[in-house]
Amino acid sequence: MIAEAPGPINFTMFLMIFGDRISGSDPEDVILNAFKTFDLAECGKIEEKTVRAALCKWGEKLTTEECDEVFAEASVDSEGMIDYVKFTRLLTRGKEDDAGAA
């Protein structure tokens, strides 16, 4: 799906990819690539507040409560950053597989 995008992925495209993953239709690499669009520093982490804002403002908007649920399991560090590789594993494989992959 990302390869079919005419250019850089915007927030709306990210939300579509994220929503498809939640419903079970996208593979892990597609979700990982969607999160990479938020990683401007290419450090493997993204700001929780940036992703939260995108999920609440664009596309099929999530409520604050739904965003809270999405990020409840994410490990947000003291700087408000999420390791999106671990978060992607959590989303696609579940809690047990993520713990084994760390």
Protein backbone atom coordinates (compact mmCIF):
# COMPACT_ATOMS: atom_id res chain seq x y z
CA MET A 1 0.00 0.00 0.00
CA ILE A 2 2.79 2.43 0.86
CA ALA A 3 4.57 1.67 -2.43
CA GLU A 4 1.40 2.73 -4.25
CA ALA A 5 1.36 6.18 -2.64
CA PRO A 6 2.11 8.95 -5.16
CA GLY A 7 4.54 10.62 -2.75
CA PRO A 8 5.20 11.01 0.95
CA ILE A 9 2.50 9.61 3.19
CA ASN A 10 0.38 12.26 4.90
CA PHE A 11 -1.55 11.90 8.13
CA THR A 12 -4.74 10.85 6.35
CA MET A 13 -2.93 8.02 4.61
CA PHE A 14 -1.35 7.01 7.91
CA LEU A 15 -4.75 6.87 9.56
CA MET A 16 -6.12 4.71 6.77
CA ILE A 17 -3.19 2.32 7.10
CA PHE A 18 -3.48 2.29 10.91
CA GLY A 19 -7.23 1.70 10.75
CA ASP A 20 -6.79 -1.16 8.29
CA ARG A 21 -4.23 -2.76 10.61
CA ILE A 22 -6.54 -2.55 13.57
CA SER A 23 -9.17 -4.38 11.53
CA GLY A 24 -6.59 -7.00 10.61
CA SER A 25 -5.81 -6.35 6.96
CA ASP A 26 -2.25 -4.94 6.86
CA PRO A 27 1.01 -6.76 7.55
CA GLU A 28 3.48 -5.60 10.17
CA ASP A 29 5.83 -3.93 7.67
CA VAL A 30 3.06 -1.65 6.42
CA ILE A 31 2.32 -0.43 9.96
CA LEU A 32 6.03 0.00 10.65
CA ASN A 33 6.45 2.10 7.50
CA ALA A 34 3.45 4.23 8.47
CA PHE A 35 5.01 4.98 11.86
CA LYS A 36 8.34 5.77 10.18
CA THR A 37 6.69 8.76 8.51
CA PHE A 38 6.51 10.36 11.96
CA ASP A 39 10.18 9.59 12.71
CA LEU A 40 11.76 12.68 11.16
CA ALA A 41 14.95 12.21 13.19
CA GLU A 42 15.19 8.55 12.08
CA CYS A 43 15.85 7.51 15.67
CA GLY A 44 13.33 4.68 15.98
CA LYS A 45 11.00 6.72 18.18
CA ILE A 46 8.00 8.95 17.58
CA GLU A 47 6.26 11.51 19.75
CA GLU A 48 3.13 10.13 21.34
CA LYS A 49 1.47 13.56 21.25
CA THR A 50 2.00 13.88 17.48
CA VAL A 51 0.48 10.50 16.69
CA ARG A 52 -2.33 11.11 19.18
CA ALA A 53 -3.14 14.44 17.51
CA ALA A 54 -3.20 12.81 14.08
CA LEU A 55 -5.52 10.04 15.24
CA CYS A 56 -7.91 12.55 16.80
CA LYS A 57 -7.93 15.10 13.97
CA TRP A 58 -7.69 13.38 10.58
CA GLY A 59 -9.50 10.64 8.74
CA GLU A 60 -11.79 8.50 10.80
CA LYS A 61 -11.23 10.46 14.01
CA LEU A 62 -10.72 8.68 17.29
CA THR A 63 -12.10 10.09 20.52
CA THR A 64 -9.78 11.00 23.37
CA GLU A 65 -10.90 7.85 25.15
CA GLU A 66 -10.12 5.70 22.09
CA CYS A 67 -6.66 7.29 21.84
CA ASP A 68 -6.13 6.59 25.53
CA GLU A 69 -6.91 2.94 24.84
CA VAL A 70 -4.54 2.81 21.87
CA PHE A 71 -1.66 4.23 23.89
CA ALA A 72 -2.43 2.51 27.20
CA GLU A 73 -0.20 -0.41 26.28
CA ALA A 74 2.51 1.63 24.54
CA SER A 75 5.69 2.26 26.47
CA VAL A 76 6.03 6.04 26.48
CA ASP A 77 9.43 7.14 27.80
CA SER A 78 10.12 10.13 30.03
CA GLU A 79 10.48 12.36 26.95
CA GLY A 80 7.06 11.39 25.58
CA MET A 81 8.51 9.15 22.88
CA ILE A 82 7.35 5.70 21.76
CA ASP A 83 9.61 3.00 20.33
CA TYR A 84 7.46 2.37 17.27
CA VAL A 85 9.07 -0.98 16.42
CA LYS A 86 7.99 -2.37 19.80
CA PHE A 87 4.60 -0.66 19.49
CA THR A 88 4.09 -2.17 16.03
CA ARG A 89 4.90 -5.63 17.39
CA LEU A 90 2.40 -5.05 20.18
CA LEU A 91 -0.29 -4.04 17.69
CA THR A 92 0.33 -6.89 15.27
CA ARG A 93 1.46 -9.76 17.50
CA GLY A 94 0.04 -8.98 20.91
CA LYS A 95 1.56 -8.51 24.33
CA GLU A 96 3.16 -11.96 24.69
CA ASP A 97 5.04 -11.85 21.38
CA ASP A 98 6.26 -8.31 22.05
CA ALA A 99 7.70 -9.33 25.41
CA GLY A 100 9.55 -12.22 23.78
CA ALA A 101 10.94 -10.02 21.00
CA ALA A 102 12.41 -7.37 23.33
